[in-house]
């Protein structure tokens, strides 16, 4: 199946997605922010990154920019608990930047798995 990197500062989100994706046969690694995620990618490739937008250190937008510069073949799914922060629609902005898909958290497992199947 796919090699997937889940990036979220919420440990429960990381662990929940890892369980769902591992049970579906995917190889999954997790990172608490974009900087750690980039370090993991330098140690081994991934087919797909699923990344929260609002995180400390390196947020999802900056992670996406660095990801595409360093690993242009990695597909990207954005997730956020705050789709609209009062100024801009974060999920629409992620898709406008090039994210293949964007989901409001909590993400339904069947929706996430369907998106991964469509991308892989």
C-alpha atoms as a PDB file:
ATOM      1  CA  UNK A   1       0.000   0.000   0.000  1.00  0.00           C
ATOM      2  CA  UNK A   2       1.165   3.587   0.599  1.00  0.00           C
ATOM      3  CA  UNK A   3       3.888   5.005   2.809  1.00  0.00           C
ATOM      4  CA  UNK A   4       2.169   7.809   4.747  1.00  0.00           C
ATOM      5  CA  UNK A   5       3.448  10.529   7.055  1.00  0.00           C
ATOM      6  CA  UNK A   6       0.853  11.972   9.465  1.00  0.00           C
ATOM      7  CA  UNK A   7       1.819  15.400  10.846  1.00  0.00           C
ATOM      8  CA  UNK A   8      -0.214  16.854  13.704  1.00  0.00           C
ATOM      9  CA  UNK A   9       0.623  18.452  17.048  1.00  0.00           C
ATOM     10  CA  UNK A  10      -2.300  16.560  18.618  1.00  0.00           C
ATOM     11  CA  UNK A  11      -0.928  13.152  19.642  1.00  0.00           C
ATOM     12  CA  UNK A  12      -4.434  11.638  19.751  1.00  0.00           C
ATOM     13  CA  UNK A  13      -5.021  12.613  16.100  1.00  0.00           C
ATOM     14  CA  UNK A  14      -1.671  11.112  15.077  1.00  0.00           C
ATOM     15  CA  UNK A  15      -2.292   7.869  16.931  1.00  0.00           C
ATOM     16  CA  UNK A  16      -5.892   7.559  15.741  1.00  0.00           C
ATOM     17  CA  UNK A  17      -4.959   8.090  12.095  1.00  0.00           C
ATOM     18  CA  UNK A  18      -1.994   5.748  12.443  1.00  0.00           C
ATOM     19  CA  UNK A  19      -4.279   2.997  13.775  1.00  0.00           C
ATOM     20  CA  UNK A  20      -6.837   3.454  10.981  1.00  0.00           C
ATOM     21  CA  UNK A  21      -4.232   3.651   8.229  1.00  0.00           C
ATOM     22  CA  UNK A  22      -2.115   0.774   9.569  1.00  0.00           C
ATOM     23  CA  UNK A  23      -5.217  -1.425   9.805  1.00  0.00           C
ATOM     24  CA  UNK A  24      -5.882  -0.610   6.133  1.00  0.00           C
ATOM     25  CA  UNK A  25      -2.403  -1.899   5.252  1.00  0.00           C
ATOM     26  CA  UNK A  26      -0.459   1.358   4.969  1.00  0.00           C
ATOM     27  CA  UNK A  27       3.016   2.028   6.367  1.00  0.00           C
ATOM     28  CA  UNK A  28       2.598   5.028   8.696  1.00  0.00           C
ATOM     29  CA  UNK A  29       4.983   7.370  10.495  1.00  0.00           C
ATOM     30  CA  UNK A  30       3.934  10.342  12.625  1.00  0.00           C
ATOM     31  CA  UNK A  31       5.438  13.721  13.479  1.00  0.00           C
ATOM     32  CA  UNK A  32       4.323  16.473  15.895  1.00  0.00           C
ATOM     33  CA  UNK A  33       5.223  19.350  13.544  1.00  0.00           C
ATOM     34  CA  UNK A  34       6.518  20.167  10.093  1.00  0.00           C
ATOM     35  CA  UNK A  35      10.182  20.357  11.094  1.00  0.00           C
ATOM     36  CA  UNK A  36      10.194  16.839  12.557  1.00  0.00           C
ATOM     37  CA  UNK A  37       8.254  15.626   9.509  1.00  0.00           C
ATOM     38  CA  UNK A  38      10.911  16.991   7.139  1.00  0.00           C
ATOM     39  CA  UNK A  39      13.607  15.286   9.204  1.00  0.00           C
ATOM     40  CA  UNK A  40      11.718  11.979   8.932  1.00  0.00           C
ATOM     41  CA  UNK A  41      11.404  12.415   5.167  1.00  0.00           C
ATOM     42  CA  UNK A  42      15.160  12.934   4.884  1.00  0.00           C
ATOM     43  CA  UNK A  43      15.562   9.479   6.474  1.00  0.00           C
ATOM     44  CA  UNK A  44      13.131   7.755   4.114  1.00  0.00           C
ATOM     45  CA  UNK A  45      10.556   8.658   1.479  1.00  0.00           C
ATOM     46  CA  UNK A  46       6.779   8.763   1.744  1.00  0.00           C
ATOM     47  CA  UNK A  47       4.062   8.614  -0.892  1.00  0.00           C
ATOM     48  CA  UNK A  48       1.723  10.926   0.993  1.00  0.00           C
ATOM     49  CA  UNK A  49       1.738  13.460   3.832  1.00  0.00           C
ATOM     50  CA  UNK A  50      -1.417  14.157   5.823  1.00  0.00           C
ATOM     51  CA  UNK A  51      -0.803  17.394   7.675  1.00  0.00           C
ATOM     52  CA  UNK A  52      -2.591  19.681  10.102  1.00  0.00           C
ATOM     53  CA  UNK A  53      -2.473  23.330   9.083  1.00  0.00           C
ATOM     54  CA  UNK A  54      -2.332  25.021  12.488  1.00  0.00           C
ATOM     55  CA  UNK A  55       0.736  23.771  14.390  1.00  0.00           C
ATOM     56  CA  UNK A  56       3.539  25.354  16.405  1.00  0.00           C
ATOM     57  CA  UNK A  57       7.067  25.551  15.014  1.00  0.00           C
ATOM     58  CA  UNK A  58       6.597  24.788  11.293  1.00  0.00           C
ATOM     59  CA  UNK A  59       2.893  25.043  10.381  1.00  0.00           C
ATOM     60  CA  UNK A  60       1.162  23.118   7.607  1.00  0.00           C
ATOM     61  CA  UNK A  61       1.538  25.826   4.973  1.00  0.00           C
ATOM     62  CA  UNK A  62       5.280  26.187   5.533  1.00  0.00           C
ATOM     63  CA  UNK A  63       5.654  22.405   5.680  1.00  0.00           C
ATOM     64  CA  UNK A  64       3.867  22.148   2.326  1.00  0.00           C
ATOM     65  CA  UNK A  65       6.213  24.717   0.729  1.00  0.00           C
ATOM     66  CA  UNK A  66       9.307  22.907   2.011  1.00  0.00           C
ATOM     67  CA  UNK A  67       7.877  19.484   1.175  1.00  0.00           C
ATOM     68  CA  UNK A  68       7.265  20.426  -2.466  1.00  0.00           C
ATOM     69  CA  UNK A  69      10.716  22.025  -2.748  1.00  0.00           C
ATOM     70  CA  UNK A  70      12.533  19.020  -1.236  1.00  0.00           C
ATOM     71  CA  UNK A  71      10.221  16.101  -2.131  1.00  0.00           C
ATOM     72  CA  UNK A  72       8.033  17.210  -5.058  1.00  0.00           C
ATOM     73  CA  UNK A  73       6.559  13.761  -5.661  1.00  0.00           C
ATOM     74  CA  UNK A  74       4.933  13.458  -2.228  1.00  0.00           C
ATOM     75  CA  UNK A  75       1.173  14.001  -2.337  1.00  0.00           C
ATOM     76  CA  UNK A  76      -0.413  16.207   0.329  1.00  0.00           C
ATOM     77  CA  UNK A  77      -3.697  16.096   2.232  1.00  0.00           C
ATOM     78  CA  UNK A  78      -4.412  19.063   4.518  1.00  0.00           C
ATOM     79  CA  UNK A  79      -6.494  18.721   7.679  1.00  0.00           C
ATOM     80  CA  UNK A  80      -7.649  21.367  10.120  1.00  0.00           C
ATOM     81  CA  UNK A  81      -9.943  21.757  13.081  1.00  0.00           C
ATOM     82  CA  UNK A  82     -10.282  25.409  12.104  1.00  0.00           C
ATOM     83  CA  UNK A  83     -11.311  25.591   8.472  1.00  0.00           C
ATOM     84  CA  UNK A  84     -12.036  29.316   8.797  1.00  0.00           C
ATOM     85  CA  UNK A  85      -9.908  31.402  11.144  1.00  0.00           C
ATOM     86  CA  UNK A  86     -11.914  34.622  10.832  1.00  0.00           C
ATOM     87  CA  UNK A  87      -9.856  35.974   7.961  1.00  0.00           C
ATOM     88  CA  UNK A  88      -9.468  33.157   5.455  1.00  0.00           C
ATOM     89  CA  UNK A  89     -10.732  29.691   4.641  1.00  0.00           C
ATOM     90  CA  UNK A  90      -7.693  27.610   5.589  1.00  0.00           C
ATOM     91  CA  UNK A  91      -8.804  24.444   3.790  1.00  0.00           C
ATOM     92  CA  UNK A  92      -9.590  26.324   0.563  1.00  0.00           C
ATOM     93  CA  UNK A  93      -6.233  28.060   0.860  1.00  0.00           C
ATOM     94  CA  UNK A  94      -4.476  24.685   1.231  1.00  0.00           C
ATOM     95  CA  UNK A  95      -6.193  23.378  -1.904  1.00  0.00           C
ATOM     96  CA  UNK A  96      -5.324  26.590  -3.775  1.00  0.00           C
ATOM     97  CA  UNK A  97      -1.669  26.031  -2.835  1.00  0.00           C
ATOM     98  CA  UNK A  98      -1.823  22.560  -4.350  1.00  0.00           C
ATOM     99  CA  UNK A  99      -3.043  20.132  -1.692  1.00  0.00           C
ATOM    100  CA  UNK A 100      -4.678  17.175  -3.394  1.00  0.00           C
ATOM    101  CA  UNK A 101      -7.421  17.107  -0.745  1.00  0.00           C
ATOM    102  CA  UNK A 102      -8.437  19.026   2.394  1.00  0.00           C
ATOM    103  CA  UNK A 103     -10.558  17.800   5.296  1.00  0.00           C
ATOM    104  CA  UNK A 104     -12.157  19.400   8.333  1.00  0.00           C
ATOM    105  CA  UNK A 105     -11.217  17.555  11.546  1.00  0.00           C
ATOM    106  CA  UNK A 106     -12.361  15.173  12.759  1.00  0.00           C
ATOM    107  CA  UNK A 107     -11.880  13.271   9.512  1.00  0.00           C
ATOM    108  CA  UNK A 108     -14.122  10.280   8.941  1.00  0.00           C
ATOM    109  CA  UNK A 109     -11.909   7.200   8.370  1.00  0.00           C
ATOM    110  CA  UNK A 110     -13.870   6.091   5.283  1.00  0.00           C
ATOM    111  CA  UNK A 111     -13.430   9.551   3.702  1.00  0.00           C
ATOM    112  CA  UNK A 112      -9.705   9.570   4.398  1.00  0.00           C
ATOM    113  CA  UNK A 113      -9.225   6.033   3.076  1.00  0.00           C
ATOM    114  CA  UNK A 114     -11.229   6.847  -0.067  1.00  0.00           C
ATOM    115  CA  UNK A 115      -9.068   9.919  -0.700  1.00  0.00           C
ATOM    116  CA  UNK A 116      -5.880   7.890  -0.230  1.00  0.00           C
ATOM    117  CA  UNK A 117      -7.146   5.190  -2.596  1.00  0.00           C
ATOM    118  CA  UNK A 118      -7.951   7.846  -5.197  1.00  0.00           C
ATOM    119  CA  UNK A 119      -4.472   9.374  -4.916  1.00  0.00           C
ATOM    120  CA  UNK A 120      -2.473   6.158  -4.853  1.00  0.00           C
END
